[in-house]
Amino acid sequence: MKLIYRLSLAVCLGITSNALALEIEHYGEIELGLTAYSKGAPAPHQQDKTTSFLLAPTIDIYAGDATVTLAPHITAVGGNQAEIDWQDSQLRTSIGNASLMVGSDIVFWGKTDVFNPSDIINSKDFRGGLQHGEKRGMPMATITSDLGPGALTLLVMPRFVPNRYPFKSSRENLPLTVADSRNLYDKDTCKNCLSHALRWEGYIGNTDLGLAYFEGTGREPSLSVGSDMQMTATYHKITQASLDVQHITGDFLLKGELVHRSGQPDNDKKIRDYHGVTTGFEYSYYGIFNSATDAGLIGEFTYDSRGRKSHHGFQRDVFAGLRLTMNDVEDTSYLATIGRDLDFNSMSASVTAERRLSDGLVLKAALSVPTGLAKDTHNSALE
């Protein structure tokens, strides 16, 4: 059993000025993070504690209908060299009734809390550990226009951004280090090959719907071991159709995501079509015990038609959770979850908390307790 806790501080600064008929707004975030483990490292090159640093200044320049955003994210993990990801740096404008965006963007698709199989646009940065993947900015151009009770968006991605994997010193790592410098691509795709996606999202009554189609380089590669005992990531061309839905009925939120994907390698490196489902609910209690606190009870189930051969660890899992929103001036909130893998009988429990200490200072903390991972082929590296 392993005890993990995570602590971070965020400082936000803002200033607005006007110059040369342009409106310029500047703000940013500084985040300091610490991840520590209750059990000693199993290998001498692994660290018992990992620090992280994020500097994320943002400049918004407004000129008529156009907005230019410059938002470099400068991160350093575990004393390694800092790296820059331009994430949300982009130009936004309008053409008639359509909205146009060109640049780098972070996109989220989905409705459920624990696992979002429909969320497919961005690659991940796992330098902070396999449990702390952060989205990387993806170069793209998008155009959005109203269609019926919603909006239709076309996304064109001319260049692929690969995942980043943990350093050798990371505790949350694979048994062998992935060499980020030698990514491979199968015969149907390449780093500069075009990917595209189409998504419609909107509301029909009390139902929030999202329909999407993606074709291009997949963000989840297969891994192979080289003669130097390092792993190489190979990216494949995939197609995916997805539906995500959220329906409000009384105090219930009913949520679900359904995907069908082709071209994705399994855990045994065989390529076959599959479908995946995440479904669940959240029931809200408002003003519990005659207080200002709201509570939400969460339940979710994940399924993958490939079972244990799935390339991810959500092939047949159940989750329960409790969300508390204190509705105080400090914006205090808590989330506790517990999950069980029904195939491997592994479990994980976590608690996260967030509280604003001042106008520009936020404290976040998380505790994670995974158990029984040794026989879980998807997560045994985290045991």
Protein backbone atom coordinates (compact mmCIF):
# COMPACT_ATOMS: atom_id res chain seq x y z
CA MET A 1 0.00 0.00 0.00
CA LYS A 2 1.23 3.45 -0.82
CA LEU A 3 0.22 6.82 0.67
CA ILE A 4 0.49 9.80 -1.67
CA TYR A 5 -0.27 13.43 -0.93
CA ARG A 6 0.05 16.44 -3.16
CA LEU A 7 0.28 20.11 -2.13
CA SER A 8 0.29 23.14 -4.41
CA LEU A 9 0.09 26.91 -4.08
CA ALA A 10 -1.22 29.21 -6.83
CA VAL A 11 -0.71 32.98 -6.96
CA CYS A 12 -2.74 35.00 -9.49
CA LEU A 13 -1.86 38.58 -10.49
CA GLY A 14 -3.80 40.90 -12.81
CA ILE A 15 -3.31 44.30 -14.44
CA THR A 16 -5.14 46.11 -17.24
CA SER A 17 -3.84 48.96 -19.42
CA ASN A 18 -4.72 50.78 -22.64
CA ALA A 19 -2.25 51.84 -25.34
CA LEU A 20 -2.48 52.76 -29.04
CA ALA A 21 -6.20 51.88 -29.31
CA LEU A 22 -5.42 48.40 -28.07
CA GLU A 23 -6.69 46.98 -24.81
CA ILE A 24 -4.05 44.85 -23.10
CA GLU A 25 -4.73 42.65 -20.11
CA HIS A 26 -2.02 40.81 -18.20
CA TYR A 27 -2.47 38.15 -15.53
CA GLY A 28 -0.79 34.94 -14.53
CA GLU A 29 -0.28 32.05 -12.20
CA ILE A 30 2.63 30.73 -10.17
CA GLU A 31 2.24 27.21 -8.81
CA LEU A 32 4.54 25.34 -6.43
CA GLY A 33 3.88 21.62 -6.01
CA LEU A 34 5.13 18.80 -3.81
CA THR A 35 4.37 15.10 -4.22
CA ALA A 36 5.59 12.80 -1.43
CA TYR A 37 5.28 9.08 -0.68
CA SER A 38 4.90 7.30 2.65
CA LYS A 39 6.84 4.24 1.45
CA GLY A 40 10.51 4.35 0.48
CA ALA A 41 11.47 4.20 -3.20
CA PRO A 42 11.91 0.63 -4.55
CA ALA A 43 14.89 1.67 -6.70
CA PRO A 44 17.89 3.84 -5.71
CA HIS A 45 17.43 6.20 -8.68
CA GLN A 46 13.83 7.03 -7.70
CA GLN A 47 12.94 9.98 -5.47
CA ASP A 48 10.75 9.87 -2.36
CA LYS A 49 9.63 13.45 -3.02
CA THR A 50 9.08 15.37 -6.24
CA THR A 51 8.82 19.12 -6.51
CA SER A 52 7.25 21.02 -9.39
CA PHE A 53 7.13 24.64 -10.48
CA LEU A 54 4.79 26.38 -12.93
CA LEU A 55 5.02 29.95 -14.18
CA ALA A 56 2.11 30.82 -16.48
CA PRO A 57 1.91 34.50 -17.47
CA THR A 58 -0.87 35.46 -19.88
CA ILE A 59 -1.25 38.55 -22.08
CA ASP A 60 -4.54 39.24 -23.86
CA ILE A 61 -4.51 41.90 -26.60
CA TYR A 62 -7.90 43.13 -27.79
CA ALA A 63 -8.22 44.94 -31.13
CA GLY A 64 -11.75 45.29 -32.47
CA ASP A 65 -13.22 41.83 -33.06
CA ALA A 66 -9.84 40.14 -32.73
CA THR A 67 -8.11 38.86 -29.59
CA VAL A 68 -4.50 37.71 -29.43
CA THR A 69 -3.50 35.63 -26.40
CA LEU A 70 0.09 34.82 -25.46
CA ALA A 71 0.22 32.22 -22.69
CA PRO A 72 3.52 30.37 -22.21
CA HIS A 73 3.47 27.69 -19.51
CA ILE A 74 6.97 27.30 -18.08
CA THR A 75 7.29 24.13 -16.00
CA ALA A 76 10.07 22.34 -14.14
CA VAL A 77 9.72 18.96 -12.43
CA GLY A 78 12.07 17.39 -9.89
CA GLY A 79 14.97 19.75 -10.49
CA ASN A 80 15.11 18.96 -14.23
CA GLN A 81 15.43 21.64 -16.90
CA ALA A 82 12.41 23.89 -17.32
CA GLU A 83 10.35 23.58 -20.52
CA ILE A 84 7.88 25.89 -22.28
CA ASP A 85 4.49 24.92 -23.68
CA TRP A 86 2.53 27.70 -25.39
CA GLN A 87 -0.82 26.01 -24.57
CA ASP A 88 -3.54 28.69 -25.00
CA SER A 89 -1.59 31.07 -27.29
CA GLN A 90 -3.86 31.97 -30.18
CA LEU A 91 -5.67 34.49 -32.37
CA ARG A 92 -9.45 34.61 -32.10
CA THR A 93 -11.73 36.58 -34.40
CA SER A 94 -15.09 36.40 -36.14
CA ILE A 95 -16.00 36.07 -39.83
CA GLY A 96 -19.66 36.82 -40.33
CA ASN A 97 -21.56 34.52 -37.97
CA ALA A 98 -18.60 32.18 -37.51
CA SER A 99 -15.81 32.27 -34.92
CA LEU A 100 -12.23 31.52 -36.01
CA MET A 101 -9.27 30.46 -33.84
CA VAL A 102 -5.69 29.89 -35.02
CA GLY A 103 -2.89 28.90 -32.67
CA SER A 104 -2.39 26.46 -29.81
CA ASP A 105 -5.31 25.37 -27.65
CA ILE A 106 -6.43 23.10 -24.80
CA VAL A 107 -9.74 21.37 -25.59
CA PHE A 108 -11.98 19.34 -23.30
CA TRP A 109 -14.77 17.01 -24.45
CA GLY A 110 -16.92 14.95 -22.12
CA LYS A 111 -19.40 14.97 -19.28
CA THR A 112 -18.34 12.38 -16.69
CA ASP A 113 -15.99 12.95 -13.73
CA VAL A 114 -13.63 9.97 -13.48
CA PHE A 115 -12.78 9.03 -17.08
CA ASN A 116 -13.57 10.80 -20.36
CA PRO A 117 -13.09 8.46 -23.35
CA SER A 118 -14.45 11.11 -25.73
CA ASP A 119 -11.73 13.62 -24.74
CA ILE A 120 -9.20 13.01 -27.51
CA ILE A 121 -7.69 16.24 -28.85
CA ASN A 122 -4.69 16.97 -26.60
CA SER A 123 -1.62 14.91 -25.78
CA LYS A 124 -0.37 14.68 -22.18
CA ASP A 125 2.68 15.75 -20.20
CA PHE A 126 3.42 13.02 -17.64
CA ARG A 127 6.71 14.45 -16.38
CA GLY A 128 5.08 14.94 -12.98
CA GLY A 129 4.13 11.24 -12.86
CA LEU A 130 1.67 8.89 -14.55
CA GLN A 131 -1.10 9.97 -12.17
CA HIS A 132 -0.53 13.68 -12.87
CA GLY A 133 -0.84 14.00 -16.63
CA GLU A 134 -1.39 17.59 -17.81
CA LYS A 135 -2.63 18.48 -21.28
CA ARG A 136 -0.17 19.86 -23.80
CA GLY A 137 -1.15 22.63 -26.20
CA MET A 138 -2.08 21.35 -29.67
CA PRO A 139 -1.50 23.54 -32.77
CA MET A 140 -4.79 23.91 -34.62
CA ALA A 141 -7.22 26.07 -36.51
CA THR A 142 -10.91 25.93 -35.63
CA ILE A 143 -14.06 27.47 -37.04
CA THR A 144 -17.34 27.43 -35.12
CA SER A 145 -20.82 28.31 -36.36
CA ASP A 146 -24.33 28.00 -34.96
CA LEU A 147 -26.25 24.95 -36.12
CA GLY A 148 -29.73 24.26 -34.80
CA PRO A 149 -29.89 24.36 -30.97
CA GLY A 150 -26.10 24.23 -30.72
CA ALA A 151 -22.82 24.94 -32.49
CA LEU A 152 -20.70 22.99 -34.98
CA THR A 153 -16.88 23.20 -34.76
CA LEU A 154 -14.33 22.02 -37.31
CA LEU A 155 -10.81 21.44 -35.93
CA VAL A 156 -7.77 21.06 -38.20
CA MET A 157 -4.47 20.07 -36.57
CA PRO A 158 -1.50 20.35 -38.97
CA ARG A 159 1.17 19.10 -36.58
CA PHE A 160 1.20 16.44 -33.88
CA VAL A 161 2.55 17.08 -30.37
CA PRO A 162 3.67 13.80 -28.71
CA ASN A 163 3.29 12.87 -25.07
CA ARG A 164 6.02 13.56 -22.53
CA TYR A 165 6.77 10.72 -20.12
CA PRO A 166 8.19 10.63 -16.55
CA PHE A 167 11.87 11.09 -15.83
CA LYS A 168 13.86 8.08 -14.65
CA SER A 169 13.80 9.46 -11.08
CA SER A 170 9.97 9.54 -10.95
CA ARG A 171 8.13 7.17 -8.62
CA GLU A 172 5.06 7.16 -10.88
CA ASN A 173 6.84 5.62 -13.83
CA LEU A 174 6.77 2.59 -16.08
CA PRO A 175 9.22 -0.26 -15.31
CA LEU A 176 11.47 1.12 -18.07
CA THR A 177 11.93 4.77 -19.06
CA VAL A 178 10.25 6.00 -22.25
CA ALA A 179 12.76 7.80 -24.49
CA ASP A 180 10.88 10.95 -25.56
CA SER A 181 13.53 11.79 -28.17
CA ARG A 182 12.84 8.82 -30.45
CA ASN A 183 9.09 8.66 -31.03
CA LEU A 184 7.98 6.53 -33.97
CA TYR A 185 4.92 6.70 -36.24
CA ASP A 186 3.24 3.84 -38.06
CA LYS A 187 2.98 3.74 -41.86
CA ASP A 188 -0.34 5.63 -41.95
CA THR A 189 0.69 8.71 -40.00
CA CYS A 190 3.59 11.05 -39.15
CA LYS A 191 4.43 14.00 -36.91
CA ASN A 192 3.43 16.51 -39.60
CA CYS A 193 0.42 14.60 -40.90
CA LEU A 194 -2.94 16.35 -40.75
CA SER A 195 -5.50 15.40 -38.10
CA HIS A 196 -9.04 16.73 -38.10
CA ALA A 197 -12.17 16.58 -35.99
CA LEU A 198 -15.78 17.72 -36.16
CA ARG A 199 -17.94 18.34 -33.09
CA TRP A 200 -21.50 19.51 -32.54
CA GLU A 201 -22.62 20.42 -29.05
CA GLY A 202 -25.78 21.99 -27.78
CA TYR A 203 -28.88 21.72 -25.61
CA ILE A 204 -32.20 20.03 -26.32
CA GLY A 205 -34.48 20.79 -23.40
CA ASN A 206 -32.75 19.61 -20.23
CA THR A 207 -30.22 17.54 -22.17
CA ASP A 208 -26.66 18.69 -22.96
CA LEU A 209 -25.32 16.78 -26.00
CA GLY A 210 -21.97 16.44 -27.73
CA LEU A 211 -21.39 14.51 -30.98
CA ALA A 212 -17.86 14.22 -32.38
CA TYR A 213 -15.71 12.53 -34.99
CA PHE A 214 -11.88 12.46 -34.98
CA GLU A 215 -9.42 11.14 -37.57
CA GLY A 216 -5.66 11.42 -37.29
CA THR A 217 -2.72 10.54 -35.07
CA GLY A 218 -3.85 8.95 -31.81
CA ARG A 219 -2.66 10.41 -28.52
CA GLU A 220 -2.16 7.00 -26.84
CA PRO A 221 0.83 5.17 -28.37
CA SER A 222 1.97 1.56 -28.12
CA LEU A 223 5.25 1.05 -26.24
CA SER A 224 8.09 -1.30 -27.18
CA VAL A 225 11.41 -2.12 -25.49
CA GLY A 226 14.69 -1.39 -27.30
CA SER A 227 18.07 -3.08 -27.03
CA ASP A 228 19.18 -0.35 -24.57
CA MET A 229 16.30 -1.29 -22.23
CA GLN A 230 14.45 1.95 -22.88
CA MET A 231 10.92 2.11 -24.26
CA THR A 232 9.90 3.74 -27.52
CA ALA A 233 6.43 5.20 -28.17
CA THR A 234 4.84 4.42 -31.53
CA TYR A 235 1.85 6.54 -32.56
CA HIS A 236 -0.90 5.18 -34.81
CA LYS A 237 -3.60 6.63 -37.02
CA ILE A 238 -7.03 6.21 -35.47
CA THR A 239 -10.63 7.21 -36.06
CA GLN A 240 -13.13 7.77 -33.27
CA ALA A 241 -16.83 8.61 -33.15
CA SER A 242 -18.23 9.71 -29.80
CA LEU A 243 -21.38 10.79 -28.00
CA ASP A 244 -21.42 12.52 -24.61
CA VAL A 245 -24.64 13.44 -22.86
CA GLN A 246 -25.80 15.01 -19.62
CA HIS A 247 -29.46 15.18 -18.61
CA ILE A 248 -30.95 17.11 -15.70
CA THR A 249 -33.97 15.63 -13.95
CA GLY A 250 -34.83 17.16 -10.60
CA ASP A 251 -31.74 17.05 -8.39
CA PHE A 252 -30.12 14.35 -10.55
CA LEU A 253 -27.48 14.79 -13.23
CA LEU A 254 -27.37 11.72 -15.48
CA LYS A 255 -24.11 11.50 -17.44
CA GLY A 256 -22.69 9.26 -20.12
CA GLU A 257 -20.03 8.94 -22.82
CA LEU A 258 -19.90 6.40 -25.65
CA VAL A 259 -17.05 5.96 -28.12
CA HIS A 260 -16.18 3.67 -31.02
CA ARG A 261 -12.51 3.67 -32.04
CA SER A 262 -10.56 2.02 -34.85
CA GLY A 263 -6.78 1.73 -35.24
CA GLN A 264 -5.86 1.69 -31.52
CA PRO A 265 -3.35 -0.99 -30.37
CA ASP A 266 -4.52 -3.15 -27.46
CA ASN A 267 -2.47 -3.93 -24.37
CA ASP A 268 -1.08 -6.91 -26.36
CA LYS A 269 -0.24 -4.57 -29.30
CA LYS A 270 -2.93 -5.99 -31.59
CA ILE A 271 -5.06 -3.46 -33.46
CA ARG A 272 -8.80 -4.01 -33.39
CA ASP A 273 -11.97 -1.92 -33.20
CA TYR A 274 -13.57 -1.45 -29.81
CA HIS A 275 -16.25 0.53 -28.05
CA GLY A 276 -16.10 2.10 -24.62
CA VAL A 277 -18.71 3.46 -22.23
CA THR A 278 -18.61 5.65 -19.14
CA THR A 279 -21.92 6.25 -17.41
CA GLY A 280 -22.99 7.64 -14.07
CA PHE A 281 -24.93 10.18 -12.05
CA GLU A 282 -24.58 12.97 -9.53
CA TYR A 283 -27.30 13.69 -6.99
CA SER A 284 -27.22 17.11 -5.31
CA TYR A 285 -28.28 18.01 -1.79
CA TYR A 286 -28.58 21.75 -1.30
CA GLY A 287 -28.05 23.40 2.10
CA ILE A 288 -27.33 20.21 4.06
CA PHE A 289 -28.03 20.42 7.80
CA ASN A 290 -29.54 23.89 7.22
CA SER A 291 -26.11 25.25 6.28
CA ALA A 292 -24.69 26.91 3.17
CA THR A 293 -22.94 23.67 2.17
CA ASP A 294 -24.06 21.72 -0.90
CA ALA A 295 -23.27 18.02 -1.31
CA GLY A 296 -23.15 15.88 -4.42
CA LEU A 297 -23.21 12.06 -4.45
CA ILE A 298 -21.38 10.62 -7.47
CA GLY A 299 -21.51 7.15 -8.99
CA GLU A 300 -19.86 6.03 -12.25
CA PHE A 301 -19.10 2.84 -14.19
CA THR A 302 -16.57 2.42 -16.99
CA TYR A 303 -16.49 -0.35 -19.63
CA ASP A 304 -14.27 -1.31 -22.55
CA SER A 305 -15.30 -4.08 -24.95
CA ARG A 306 -11.73 -5.50 -25.01
CA GLY A 307 -11.76 -6.24 -21.27
CA ARG A 308 -8.30 -6.89 -19.81
CA LYS A 309 -6.70 -6.29 -23.23
CA SER A 310 -7.70 -2.62 -23.10
CA HIS A 311 -4.82 -0.15 -23.50
CA HIS A 312 -6.03 1.82 -20.47
CA GLY A 313 -7.04 0.95 -16.92
CA PHE A 314 -10.77 1.77 -17.10
CA GLN A 315 -11.95 -1.43 -18.77
CA ARG A 316 -14.48 -2.45 -16.04
CA ASP A 317 -14.42 -0.20 -12.99
CA VAL A 318 -16.89 1.29 -10.53
CA PHE A 319 -16.50 4.58 -8.66
CA ALA A 320 -18.34 6.36 -5.87
CA GLY A 321 -17.70 9.87 -4.65
CA LEU A 322 -18.82 12.74 -2.46
CA ARG A 323 -18.41 16.39 -3.46
CA LEU A 324 -18.79 19.16 -0.84
CA THR A 325 -19.06 22.82 -1.82
CA MET A 326 -18.96 25.04 1.24
CA ASN A 327 -20.17 28.22 -0.58
CA ASP A 328 -18.04 30.40 1.69
CA VAL A 329 -15.96 33.47 0.81
CA GLU A 330 -12.87 31.25 0.57
CA ASP A 331 -14.46 29.03 -2.15
CA THR A 332 -13.70 25.92 -0.09
CA SER A 333 -14.48 22.57 -1.72
CA TYR A 334 -13.74 18.87 -1.13
CA LEU A 335 -13.98 15.77 -3.30
CA ALA A 336 -13.59 12.20 -2.02
CA THR A 337 -13.70 9.20 -4.37
CA ILE A 338 -13.17 5.45 -4.16
CA GLY A 339 -12.82 3.15 -7.15
CA ARG A 340 -12.55 -0.60 -7.74
CA ASP A 341 -11.31 -2.51 -10.78
CA LEU A 342 -13.72 -5.43 -11.15
CA ASP A 343 -11.26 -7.47 -13.25
CA PHE A 344 -8.11 -7.15 -11.11
CA ASN A 345 -9.71 -6.30 -7.73
CA SER A 346 -7.39 -3.32 -7.28
CA MET A 347 -8.70 -0.23 -5.51
CA SER A 348 -7.91 3.46 -5.17
CA ALA A 349 -9.18 6.12 -2.80
CA SER A 350 -8.52 9.84 -3.01
CA VAL A 351 -9.42 13.10 -1.30
CA THR A 352 -8.81 16.56 -2.77
CA ALA A 353 -9.37 19.91 -1.13
CA GLU A 354 -9.16 23.50 -2.35
CA ARG A 355 -9.39 26.78 -0.43
CA ARG A 356 -8.66 30.39 -1.29
CA LEU A 357 -6.32 31.91 1.29
CA SER A 358 -6.45 35.44 -0.17
CA ASP A 359 -7.47 37.19 -3.38
CA GLY A 360 -4.41 35.84 -5.20
CA LEU A 361 -3.43 32.76 -3.19
CA VAL A 362 -5.08 29.33 -3.48
CA LEU A 363 -4.14 26.20 -1.54
CA LYS A 364 -4.80 22.78 -3.10
CA ALA A 365 -4.06 19.42 -1.51
CA ALA A 366 -4.70 15.82 -2.54
CA LEU A 367 -4.29 12.45 -0.86
CA SER A 368 -4.30 9.20 -2.86
CA VAL A 369 -4.22 5.65 -1.49
CA PRO A 370 -3.99 2.87 -4.14
CA THR A 371 -4.08 -0.80 -3.03
CA GLY A 372 -3.76 -4.19 -4.71
CA LEU A 373 -2.06 -2.93 -7.88
CA ALA A 374 0.56 -5.70 -8.13
CA LYS A 375 -1.66 -7.92 -10.31
CA ASP A 376 -3.29 -5.05 -12.20
CA THR A 377 -1.58 -5.14 -15.61
CA HIS A 378 -2.56 -1.54 -16.33
CA ASN A 379 -1.39 0.01 -13.06
CA SER A 380 1.17 -2.37 -11.52
CA ALA A 381 3.96 0.17 -12.08
CA LEU A 382 2.32 2.39 -9.44
CA GLU A 383 2.41 -0.29 -6.70
